[in-house]
């Protein structure tokens, strides 16, 4: 039964995570944290962080990690298959339709209409993760934000990472590695 539930949950994530990447995070959060209660919000943020550090799309990595946590290797395989199956079907259909009707104004209009919705999904997911990181996982809603709960180390690392990425444009892996090392030192010894 758990295998069917894993497959169906991640099938829905794969089916409705249009735009992939960060646009999938609110959908994954809804399925994994809110509906099925497989992970806490803090564990979800940790999974997203790990998914970012490993090669591959976030939804696929998250499905593999969640499946592994819930039901071992078979859970990881089934959750990942559930996440990939809708994409395979949709891409085959869209490739056929696009190839056949690529010159129609309806196709370009629909694609242009999807862009703002994807940006809203990304912003929503990013804001949730930012609040969880800066307030050390103690934020349930906008109404429960208190300045006394701010994690000063997290705010400093976020600000430094943001400035370095925007101003100097280094490889993000170096920023993640540096932040991880500084975080390890600060949280261990401070």
N, C-alpha and C. Protein backbone atom coordinates (compact mmCIF):
# COMPACT_ATOMS: atom_id res chain seq x y z
N UNK A 1 0.82 -1.20 0.00
CA UNK A 1 0.00 0.00 0.00
C UNK A 1 0.87 1.27 0.00
N UNK A 2 1.96 1.24 0.79
CA UNK A 2 2.82 2.42 0.85
C UNK A 2 3.47 2.68 -0.50
N UNK A 3 3.77 1.61 -1.25
CA UNK A 3 4.38 1.79 -2.57
C UNK A 3 3.43 2.49 -3.52
N UNK A 4 2.17 2.11 -3.47
CA UNK A 4 1.16 2.75 -4.31
C UNK A 4 0.98 4.21 -3.93
N UNK A 5 0.99 4.48 -2.63
CA UNK A 5 0.86 5.86 -2.14
C UNK A 5 2.06 6.71 -2.56
N UNK A 6 3.26 6.14 -2.43
CA UNK A 6 4.47 6.84 -2.88
C UNK A 6 4.42 7.13 -4.37
N UNK A 7 4.07 6.11 -5.15
CA UNK A 7 4.01 6.29 -6.60
C UNK A 7 2.98 7.37 -6.96
N UNK A 8 1.79 7.29 -6.38
CA UNK A 8 0.72 8.25 -6.72
C UNK A 8 1.09 9.67 -6.29
N UNK A 9 1.66 9.83 -5.10
CA UNK A 9 2.05 11.16 -4.63
C UNK A 9 3.08 11.79 -5.55
N UNK A 10 4.10 11.02 -5.90
CA UNK A 10 5.15 11.57 -6.76
C UNK A 10 4.73 11.62 -8.22
N UNK A 11 3.75 10.81 -8.62
CA UNK A 11 3.16 10.95 -9.95
C UNK A 11 2.49 12.32 -10.06
N UNK A 12 1.75 12.70 -9.02
CA UNK A 12 1.09 14.01 -9.00
C UNK A 12 2.12 15.14 -9.02
N UNK A 13 3.19 14.97 -8.26
CA UNK A 13 4.26 15.98 -8.25
C UNK A 13 4.84 16.11 -9.66
N UNK A 14 5.15 14.99 -10.28
CA UNK A 14 5.69 15.01 -11.64
C UNK A 14 4.71 15.58 -12.64
N UNK A 15 3.42 15.33 -12.43
CA UNK A 15 2.40 15.79 -13.36
C UNK A 15 2.16 17.29 -13.27
N UNK A 16 2.20 17.83 -12.06
CA UNK A 16 1.82 19.24 -11.88
C UNK A 16 2.99 20.19 -11.63
N UNK A 17 4.20 19.70 -11.63
CA UNK A 17 5.35 20.59 -11.40
C UNK A 17 5.85 21.15 -12.72
N UNK A 18 5.01 21.93 -13.36
CA UNK A 18 5.34 22.55 -14.64
C UNK A 18 6.45 23.56 -14.41
N UNK A 19 7.49 23.47 -15.18
CA UNK A 19 8.62 24.36 -15.02
C UNK A 19 9.77 23.69 -14.30
N UNK A 20 9.47 22.63 -13.55
CA UNK A 20 10.51 21.89 -12.86
C UNK A 20 11.25 22.74 -11.84
N UNK A 21 12.36 22.25 -11.36
CA UNK A 21 13.20 22.99 -10.43
C UNK A 21 12.46 23.52 -9.24
N UNK A 22 12.66 24.80 -8.97
CA UNK A 22 12.07 25.42 -7.79
C UNK A 22 10.55 25.49 -7.87
N UNK A 23 10.00 25.45 -9.06
CA UNK A 23 8.54 25.49 -9.20
C UNK A 23 7.91 24.24 -8.61
N UNK A 24 8.66 23.16 -8.50
CA UNK A 24 8.12 21.91 -7.96
C UNK A 24 8.10 21.90 -6.43
N UNK A 25 8.87 22.77 -5.79
CA UNK A 25 9.00 22.70 -4.33
C UNK A 25 7.69 22.87 -3.57
N UNK A 26 6.82 23.83 -3.91
CA UNK A 26 5.57 23.92 -3.15
C UNK A 26 4.70 22.67 -3.31
N UNK A 27 4.75 22.06 -4.47
CA UNK A 27 3.96 20.85 -4.71
C UNK A 27 4.53 19.69 -3.91
N UNK A 28 5.84 19.57 -3.90
CA UNK A 28 6.49 18.51 -3.11
C UNK A 28 6.18 18.72 -1.63
N UNK A 29 6.29 19.96 -1.18
CA UNK A 29 6.01 20.28 0.22
C UNK A 29 4.58 19.90 0.59
N UNK A 30 3.64 20.23 -0.26
CA UNK A 30 2.22 19.92 0.01
C UNK A 30 2.02 18.41 0.15
N UNK A 31 2.61 17.63 -0.75
CA UNK A 31 2.43 16.17 -0.73
C UNK A 31 3.18 15.52 0.44
N UNK A 32 4.44 15.92 0.63
CA UNK A 32 5.32 15.22 1.55
C UNK A 32 5.14 15.68 3.00
N UNK A 33 4.95 16.99 3.19
CA UNK A 33 4.86 17.53 4.55
C UNK A 33 3.41 17.66 4.99
N UNK A 34 2.58 18.31 4.18
CA UNK A 34 1.23 18.65 4.61
C UNK A 34 0.24 17.48 4.51
N UNK A 35 0.16 16.84 3.35
CA UNK A 35 -0.86 15.80 3.15
C UNK A 35 -0.47 14.46 3.77
N UNK A 36 0.71 13.95 3.44
CA UNK A 36 1.09 12.61 3.90
C UNK A 36 1.88 12.60 5.20
N UNK A 37 2.41 13.75 5.60
CA UNK A 37 3.17 13.89 6.85
C UNK A 37 4.34 12.90 6.93
N UNK A 38 5.00 12.69 5.79
CA UNK A 38 6.15 11.82 5.75
C UNK A 38 7.38 12.51 6.35
N UNK A 39 7.44 13.84 6.22
CA UNK A 39 8.56 14.62 6.74
C UNK A 39 8.04 15.84 7.49
N UNK A 40 8.83 16.33 8.44
CA UNK A 40 8.54 17.63 9.05
C UNK A 40 9.05 18.71 8.11
N UNK A 41 8.68 19.96 8.37
CA UNK A 41 9.14 21.06 7.52
C UNK A 41 10.67 21.18 7.57
N UNK A 42 11.23 20.97 8.74
CA UNK A 42 12.69 21.04 8.87
C UNK A 42 13.36 19.94 8.05
N UNK A 43 12.82 18.73 8.10
CA UNK A 43 13.37 17.63 7.31
C UNK A 43 13.20 17.91 5.82
N UNK A 44 12.08 18.54 5.45
CA UNK A 44 11.84 18.89 4.04
C UNK A 44 12.89 19.87 3.56
N UNK A 45 13.19 20.88 4.37
CA UNK A 45 14.23 21.86 3.99
C UNK A 45 15.57 21.16 3.85
N UNK A 46 15.86 20.22 4.74
CA UNK A 46 17.11 19.45 4.63
C UNK A 46 17.14 18.63 3.34
N UNK A 47 16.02 18.01 2.98
CA UNK A 47 15.94 17.23 1.74
C UNK A 47 16.16 18.14 0.53
N UNK A 48 15.55 19.33 0.54
CA UNK A 48 15.73 20.27 -0.57
C UNK A 48 17.19 20.68 -0.66
N UNK A 49 17.81 20.92 0.48
CA UNK A 49 19.23 21.30 0.49
C UNK A 49 20.08 20.17 -0.10
N UNK A 50 19.83 18.95 0.33
CA UNK A 50 20.58 17.82 -0.20
C UNK A 50 20.30 17.65 -1.70
N UNK A 51 19.04 17.84 -2.09
CA UNK A 51 18.67 17.71 -3.50
C UNK A 51 19.39 18.75 -4.36
N UNK A 52 19.65 19.91 -3.79
CA UNK A 52 20.36 20.96 -4.52
C UNK A 52 21.84 20.61 -4.68
N UNK A 53 22.39 19.90 -3.70
CA UNK A 53 23.82 19.61 -3.73
C UNK A 53 24.15 18.38 -4.57
N UNK A 54 23.14 17.59 -4.91
CA UNK A 54 23.39 16.39 -5.71
C UNK A 54 22.98 16.65 -7.16
N UNK A 55 23.62 15.98 -8.10
CA UNK A 55 23.28 16.21 -9.51
C UNK A 55 21.86 15.73 -9.82
N UNK A 56 21.20 16.46 -10.69
CA UNK A 56 19.88 16.06 -11.14
C UNK A 56 18.80 17.03 -10.69
N UNK A 57 17.60 16.87 -11.25
CA UNK A 57 16.48 17.75 -10.91
C UNK A 57 16.04 17.59 -9.45
N UNK A 58 15.55 18.67 -8.88
CA UNK A 58 15.14 18.68 -7.48
C UNK A 58 14.04 17.66 -7.21
N UNK A 59 13.01 17.63 -8.06
CA UNK A 59 11.88 16.72 -7.82
C UNK A 59 12.33 15.26 -7.84
N UNK A 60 13.20 14.91 -8.76
CA UNK A 60 13.68 13.52 -8.85
C UNK A 60 14.53 13.18 -7.63
N UNK A 61 15.44 14.07 -7.27
CA UNK A 61 16.28 13.83 -6.10
C UNK A 61 15.43 13.74 -4.84
N UNK A 62 14.49 14.66 -4.69
CA UNK A 62 13.62 14.65 -3.51
C UNK A 62 12.79 13.37 -3.47
N UNK A 63 12.27 12.93 -4.61
CA UNK A 63 11.47 11.70 -4.62
C UNK A 63 12.33 10.51 -4.21
N UNK A 64 13.56 10.48 -4.67
CA UNK A 64 14.46 9.38 -4.31
C UNK A 64 14.76 9.40 -2.81
N UNK A 65 15.07 10.58 -2.27
CA UNK A 65 15.38 10.69 -0.83
C UNK A 65 14.16 10.35 0.03
N UNK A 66 13.00 10.87 -0.33
CA UNK A 66 11.79 10.61 0.46
C UNK A 66 11.42 9.13 0.37
N UNK A 67 11.45 8.58 -0.84
CA UNK A 67 11.14 7.16 -1.01
C UNK A 67 12.07 6.28 -0.19
N UNK A 68 13.35 6.63 -0.19
CA UNK A 68 14.34 5.86 0.58
C UNK A 68 14.05 5.95 2.07
N UNK A 69 13.68 7.13 2.52
CA UNK A 69 13.41 7.33 3.94
C UNK A 69 12.14 6.60 4.38
N UNK A 70 11.14 6.59 3.52
CA UNK A 70 9.86 5.99 3.87
C UNK A 70 9.89 4.47 3.75
N UNK A 71 10.52 3.96 2.68
CA UNK A 71 10.39 2.53 2.42
C UNK A 71 11.64 1.89 1.80
N UNK A 72 12.79 2.43 2.07
CA UNK A 72 14.03 1.80 1.62
C UNK A 72 14.27 1.93 0.12
N UNK A 73 15.06 1.03 -0.41
CA UNK A 73 15.47 1.10 -1.81
C UNK A 73 14.27 0.99 -2.75
N UNK A 74 13.35 0.06 -2.47
CA UNK A 74 12.17 -0.07 -3.33
C UNK A 74 11.31 1.19 -3.28
N UNK A 75 11.21 1.81 -2.13
CA UNK A 75 10.47 3.06 -2.03
C UNK A 75 11.11 4.15 -2.87
N UNK A 76 12.45 4.20 -2.87
CA UNK A 76 13.16 5.19 -3.68
C UNK A 76 12.92 4.95 -5.16
N UNK A 77 12.98 3.71 -5.58
CA UNK A 77 12.76 3.38 -6.99
C UNK A 77 11.34 3.71 -7.42
N UNK A 78 10.37 3.33 -6.60
CA UNK A 78 8.96 3.55 -6.95
C UNK A 78 8.61 5.04 -6.94
N UNK A 79 9.09 5.78 -5.93
CA UNK A 79 8.82 7.22 -5.88
C UNK A 79 9.46 7.93 -7.07
N UNK A 80 10.67 7.55 -7.41
CA UNK A 80 11.34 8.16 -8.56
C UNK A 80 10.62 7.83 -9.86
N UNK A 81 10.19 6.59 -10.01
CA UNK A 81 9.43 6.20 -11.21
C UNK A 81 8.12 6.98 -11.28
N UNK A 82 7.47 7.17 -10.15
CA UNK A 82 6.24 7.96 -10.13
C UNK A 82 6.47 9.39 -10.56
N UNK A 83 7.60 9.95 -10.16
CA UNK A 83 7.91 11.33 -10.51
C UNK A 83 8.27 11.49 -11.99
N UNK A 84 8.90 10.49 -12.57
CA UNK A 84 9.37 10.57 -13.95
C UNK A 84 8.28 10.22 -14.97
N UNK A 85 7.39 9.33 -14.63
CA UNK A 85 6.39 8.83 -15.59
C UNK A 85 5.55 9.93 -16.25
N UNK A 86 4.98 10.88 -15.49
CA UNK A 86 4.18 11.90 -16.16
C UNK A 86 5.01 12.76 -17.13
N UNK A 87 6.23 13.05 -16.76
CA UNK A 87 7.09 13.85 -17.63
C UNK A 87 7.34 13.14 -18.95
N UNK A 88 7.58 11.87 -18.87
CA UNK A 88 7.81 11.09 -20.07
C UNK A 88 6.60 11.14 -21.00
N UNK A 89 5.43 10.93 -20.44
CA UNK A 89 4.20 10.95 -21.22
C UNK A 89 3.93 12.35 -21.79
N UNK A 90 4.05 13.36 -20.94
CA UNK A 90 3.77 14.74 -21.37
C UNK A 90 4.75 15.20 -22.45
N UNK A 91 6.03 14.91 -22.27
CA UNK A 91 7.03 15.34 -23.26
C UNK A 91 6.80 14.68 -24.60
N UNK A 92 6.43 13.42 -24.60
CA UNK A 92 6.14 12.74 -25.87
C UNK A 92 4.94 13.39 -26.58
N UNK A 93 3.90 13.69 -25.82
CA UNK A 93 2.71 14.33 -26.41
C UNK A 93 3.04 15.75 -26.89
N UNK A 94 3.72 16.52 -26.03
CA UNK A 94 4.05 17.91 -26.40
C UNK A 94 5.01 17.98 -27.59
N UNK A 95 5.95 17.07 -27.65
CA UNK A 95 6.87 17.07 -28.79
C UNK A 95 6.11 16.84 -30.08
N UNK A 96 5.17 15.93 -30.05
CA UNK A 96 4.36 15.67 -31.24
C UNK A 96 3.52 16.89 -31.61
N UNK A 97 2.83 17.45 -30.60
CA UNK A 97 1.96 18.62 -30.86
C UNK A 97 2.78 19.82 -31.32
N UNK A 98 3.87 20.09 -30.64
CA UNK A 98 4.70 21.24 -30.99
C UNK A 98 5.28 21.09 -32.40
N UNK A 99 5.76 19.92 -32.70
CA UNK A 99 6.32 19.68 -34.03
C UNK A 99 5.27 19.88 -35.11
N UNK A 100 4.06 19.42 -34.84
CA UNK A 100 3.00 19.50 -35.83
C UNK A 100 2.38 20.90 -35.94
N UNK A 101 2.27 21.61 -34.80
CA UNK A 101 1.55 22.90 -34.77
C UNK A 101 2.41 24.06 -34.28
N UNK A 102 3.69 24.03 -34.46
CA UNK A 102 4.59 25.03 -33.89
C UNK A 102 4.37 26.45 -34.40
N UNK A 103 3.74 26.61 -35.54
CA UNK A 103 3.54 27.95 -36.10
C UNK A 103 2.24 28.61 -35.63
N UNK A 104 1.42 27.95 -34.83
CA UNK A 104 0.15 28.53 -34.37
C UNK A 104 0.37 29.53 -33.23
N UNK A 105 -0.37 30.62 -33.26
CA UNK A 105 -0.25 31.65 -32.23
C UNK A 105 -0.76 31.13 -30.88
N UNK A 106 -1.64 30.15 -30.86
CA UNK A 106 -2.18 29.60 -29.62
C UNK A 106 -1.07 28.95 -28.79
N UNK A 107 -0.19 28.25 -29.44
CA UNK A 107 0.90 27.56 -28.74
C UNK A 107 1.82 28.58 -28.07
N UNK A 108 2.26 29.59 -28.81
CA UNK A 108 3.16 30.59 -28.22
C UNK A 108 2.44 31.39 -27.14
N UNK A 109 1.17 31.67 -27.31
CA UNK A 109 0.40 32.40 -26.29
C UNK A 109 0.28 31.62 -24.99
N UNK A 110 0.03 30.33 -25.10
CA UNK A 110 -0.08 29.49 -23.91
C UNK A 110 1.25 29.43 -23.16
N UNK A 111 2.35 29.28 -23.90
CA UNK A 111 3.67 29.22 -23.27
C UNK A 111 4.01 30.55 -22.59
N UNK A 112 3.66 31.66 -23.22
CA UNK A 112 3.90 32.97 -22.60
C UNK A 112 3.05 33.16 -21.35
N UNK A 113 1.85 32.60 -21.33
CA UNK A 113 0.98 32.71 -20.16
C UNK A 113 1.45 31.90 -18.97
N UNK A 114 2.17 30.82 -19.21
CA UNK A 114 2.66 29.98 -18.12
C UNK A 114 3.84 30.60 -17.38
N UNK A 115 4.60 31.44 -18.03
CA UNK A 115 5.82 31.99 -17.42
C UNK A 115 5.57 32.72 -16.10
N UNK A 116 4.61 33.66 -16.01
CA UNK A 116 4.40 34.35 -14.73
C UNK A 116 3.97 33.42 -13.59
N UNK A 117 3.19 32.39 -13.89
CA UNK A 117 2.77 31.45 -12.86
C UNK A 117 3.96 30.68 -12.31
N UNK A 118 4.89 30.32 -13.17
CA UNK A 118 6.08 29.60 -12.73
C UNK A 118 6.94 30.49 -11.85
N UNK A 119 7.06 31.76 -12.19
CA UNK A 119 7.83 32.70 -11.37
C UNK A 119 7.20 32.83 -9.97
N UNK A 120 5.87 32.87 -9.90
CA UNK A 120 5.19 32.95 -8.60
C UNK A 120 5.45 31.69 -7.77
N UNK A 121 5.45 30.53 -8.39
CA UNK A 121 5.75 29.29 -7.66
C UNK A 121 7.17 29.29 -7.11
N UNK A 122 8.10 29.74 -7.93
CA UNK A 122 9.50 29.80 -7.48
C UNK A 122 9.66 30.77 -6.32
N UNK A 123 9.04 31.95 -6.42
CA UNK A 123 9.15 32.95 -5.35
C UNK A 123 8.54 32.44 -4.05
N UNK A 124 7.40 31.77 -4.14
CA UNK A 124 6.75 31.23 -2.95
C UNK A 124 7.62 30.19 -2.26
N UNK A 125 8.17 29.28 -3.02
CA UNK A 125 9.02 28.24 -2.45
C UNK A 125 10.30 28.83 -1.86
N UNK A 126 10.88 29.76 -2.59
CA UNK A 126 12.11 30.40 -2.10
C UNK A 126 11.89 31.15 -0.80
N UNK A 127 10.78 31.84 -0.69
CA UNK A 127 10.47 32.58 0.53
C UNK A 127 10.26 31.65 1.71
N UNK A 128 9.58 30.53 1.49
CA UNK A 128 9.38 29.56 2.57
C UNK A 128 10.71 29.01 3.08
N UNK A 129 11.58 28.67 2.17
CA UNK A 129 12.88 28.12 2.56
C UNK A 129 13.74 29.20 3.23
N UNK A 130 13.68 30.43 2.73
CA UNK A 130 14.44 31.52 3.33
C UNK A 130 14.01 31.75 4.78
N UNK A 131 12.70 31.78 5.02
CA UNK A 131 12.21 31.98 6.38
C UNK A 131 12.62 30.83 7.29
N UNK A 132 12.55 29.60 6.78
CA UNK A 132 12.96 28.45 7.58
C UNK A 132 14.45 28.52 7.93
N UNK A 133 15.26 28.96 6.99
CA UNK A 133 16.71 29.04 7.22
C UNK A 133 17.07 30.17 8.19
N UNK A 134 16.47 31.33 7.98
CA UNK A 134 16.85 32.50 8.79
C UNK A 134 16.28 32.46 10.20
N UNK A 135 15.20 31.73 10.39
CA UNK A 135 14.59 31.65 11.71
C UNK A 135 14.75 30.26 12.31
N UNK A 136 15.74 29.53 11.83
CA UNK A 136 16.13 28.24 12.37
C UNK A 136 14.98 27.24 12.46
N UNK A 137 14.10 27.26 11.45
CA UNK A 137 13.02 26.30 11.39
C UNK A 137 11.88 26.54 12.35
N UNK A 138 11.80 27.74 12.95
CA UNK A 138 10.78 28.02 13.96
C UNK A 138 9.65 28.90 13.46
N UNK A 139 9.46 28.97 12.15
CA UNK A 139 8.43 29.83 11.58
C UNK A 139 7.31 28.97 11.03
N UNK A 140 6.10 29.16 11.56
CA UNK A 140 4.94 28.43 11.04
C UNK A 140 4.17 29.26 10.04
N UNK A 141 4.18 30.57 10.22
CA UNK A 141 3.47 31.47 9.31
C UNK A 141 4.05 32.86 9.44
N UNK A 142 3.58 33.77 8.58
CA UNK A 142 4.04 35.16 8.63
C UNK A 142 3.71 35.78 9.97
N UNK A 143 2.65 35.35 10.59
CA UNK A 143 2.21 35.95 11.85
C UNK A 143 3.07 35.54 13.03
N UNK A 144 3.84 34.47 12.89
CA UNK A 144 4.63 33.99 14.02
C UNK A 144 6.10 34.38 13.94
N UNK A 145 6.44 35.36 13.11
CA UNK A 145 7.82 35.79 12.99
C UNK A 145 8.15 36.76 14.13
N UNK A 146 9.21 36.42 14.87
CA UNK A 146 9.70 37.30 15.94
C UNK A 146 11.19 37.53 15.72
N UNK A 147 11.61 38.77 15.87
CA UNK A 147 13.02 39.10 15.64
C UNK A 147 13.94 38.37 16.60
N UNK A 148 13.43 37.98 17.78
CA UNK A 148 14.27 37.26 18.74
C UNK A 148 14.63 35.86 18.26
N UNK A 149 13.91 35.35 17.27
CA UNK A 149 14.17 34.00 16.76
C UNK A 149 15.17 33.98 15.60
N UNK A 150 15.65 35.13 15.19
CA UNK A 150 16.56 35.19 14.04
C UNK A 150 17.85 34.44 14.36
N UNK A 151 18.26 33.62 13.43
CA UNK A 151 19.53 32.91 13.52
C UNK A 151 20.59 33.81 12.87
N UNK A 152 21.41 34.44 13.69
CA UNK A 152 22.37 35.44 13.22
C UNK A 152 23.40 34.82 12.27
N UNK A 153 23.84 33.61 12.55
CA UNK A 153 24.79 32.95 11.68
C UNK A 153 24.17 32.72 10.30
N UNK A 154 22.92 32.25 10.28
CA UNK A 154 22.24 32.00 9.01
C UNK A 154 22.04 33.29 8.22
N UNK A 155 21.67 34.37 8.90
CA UNK A 155 21.48 35.66 8.21
C UNK A 155 22.81 36.14 7.64
N UNK A 156 23.88 35.99 8.40
CA UNK A 156 25.20 36.41 7.93
C UNK A 156 25.65 35.59 6.73
N UNK A 157 25.48 34.27 6.80
CA UNK A 157 25.87 33.40 5.68
C UNK A 157 25.02 33.70 4.45
N UNK A 158 23.72 33.91 4.65
CA UNK A 158 22.84 34.23 3.52
C UNK A 158 23.27 35.54 2.86
N UNK A 159 23.49 36.56 3.67
CA UNK A 159 23.87 37.87 3.13
C UNK A 159 25.21 37.80 2.41
N UNK A 160 26.19 37.15 3.04
CA UNK A 160 27.51 37.04 2.42
C UNK A 160 27.42 36.24 1.12
N UNK A 161 26.71 35.13 1.14
CA UNK A 161 26.56 34.32 -0.07
C UNK A 161 25.86 35.07 -1.18
N UNK A 162 24.81 35.80 -0.82
CA UNK A 162 24.06 36.58 -1.81
C UNK A 162 24.94 37.65 -2.45
N UNK A 163 25.67 38.38 -1.62
CA UNK A 163 26.54 39.46 -2.12
C UNK A 163 27.64 38.88 -3.01
N UNK A 164 28.28 37.81 -2.56
CA UNK A 164 29.36 37.20 -3.34
C UNK A 164 28.83 36.70 -4.68
N UNK A 165 27.68 36.04 -4.67
CA UNK A 165 27.11 35.52 -5.92
C UNK A 165 26.73 36.64 -6.89
N UNK A 166 26.14 37.70 -6.38
CA UNK A 166 25.69 38.79 -7.26
C UNK A 166 26.86 39.65 -7.75
N UNK A 167 27.83 39.91 -6.87
CA UNK A 167 28.90 40.84 -7.24
C UNK A 167 30.03 40.16 -8.01
N UNK A 168 30.48 39.00 -7.55
CA UNK A 168 31.64 38.37 -8.14
C UNK A 168 31.30 37.22 -9.09
N UNK A 169 30.09 36.70 -9.02
CA UNK A 169 29.60 35.63 -9.88
C UNK A 169 30.53 34.40 -9.93
N UNK A 170 30.90 33.87 -8.75
CA UNK A 170 31.73 32.66 -8.74
C UNK A 170 30.87 31.44 -9.03
N UNK A 171 31.50 30.31 -9.12
CA UNK A 171 30.78 29.06 -9.25
C UNK A 171 29.98 28.86 -7.96
N UNK A 172 28.66 28.63 -8.03
CA UNK A 172 27.85 28.47 -6.82
C UNK A 172 28.30 27.32 -5.93
N UNK A 173 28.96 26.35 -6.50
CA UNK A 173 29.44 25.23 -5.69
C UNK A 173 30.45 25.73 -4.66
N UNK A 174 31.30 26.67 -5.06
CA UNK A 174 32.28 27.21 -4.12
C UNK A 174 31.60 27.99 -2.99
N UNK A 175 30.54 28.70 -3.32
CA UNK A 175 29.80 29.44 -2.30
C UNK A 175 29.12 28.46 -1.34
N UNK A 176 28.53 27.40 -1.88
CA UNK A 176 27.90 26.39 -1.02
C UNK A 176 28.93 25.70 -0.13
N UNK A 177 30.05 25.35 -0.70
CA UNK A 177 31.11 24.70 0.06
C UNK A 177 31.62 25.62 1.16
N UNK A 178 31.89 26.87 0.81
CA UNK A 178 32.36 27.85 1.80
C UNK A 178 31.34 28.07 2.90
N UNK A 179 30.07 28.20 2.53
CA UNK A 179 29.01 28.40 3.53
C UNK A 179 28.90 27.18 4.44
N UNK A 180 29.02 26.00 3.86
CA UNK A 180 28.96 24.78 4.66
C UNK A 180 30.09 24.70 5.67
N UNK A 181 31.28 25.06 5.25
CA UNK A 181 32.44 25.02 6.15
C UNK A 181 32.30 26.06 7.25
N UNK A 182 31.94 27.30 6.87
CA UNK A 182 31.76 28.35 7.88
C UNK A 182 30.62 27.98 8.82
N UNK A 183 29.52 27.43 8.28
CA UNK A 183 28.41 27.01 9.12
C UNK A 183 28.82 25.92 10.10
N UNK A 184 29.59 24.96 9.61
CA UNK A 184 30.07 23.89 10.48
C UNK A 184 30.89 24.45 11.63
N UNK A 185 31.79 25.37 11.32
CA UNK A 185 32.64 25.98 12.35
C UNK A 185 31.80 26.79 13.32
N UNK A 186 30.91 27.64 12.78
CA UNK A 186 30.12 28.53 13.64
C UNK A 186 29.15 27.74 14.53
N UNK A 187 28.45 26.77 13.98
CA UNK A 187 27.47 26.03 14.77
C UNK A 187 28.11 25.04 15.73
N UNK A 188 29.33 24.65 15.44
CA UNK A 188 30.03 23.72 16.32
C UNK A 188 30.71 24.44 17.47
N UNK A 189 31.29 25.61 17.21
CA UNK A 189 32.12 26.27 18.23
C UNK A 189 31.51 27.55 18.78
N UNK A 190 30.41 28.00 18.24
CA UNK A 190 29.82 29.27 18.75
C UNK A 190 28.52 28.98 19.44
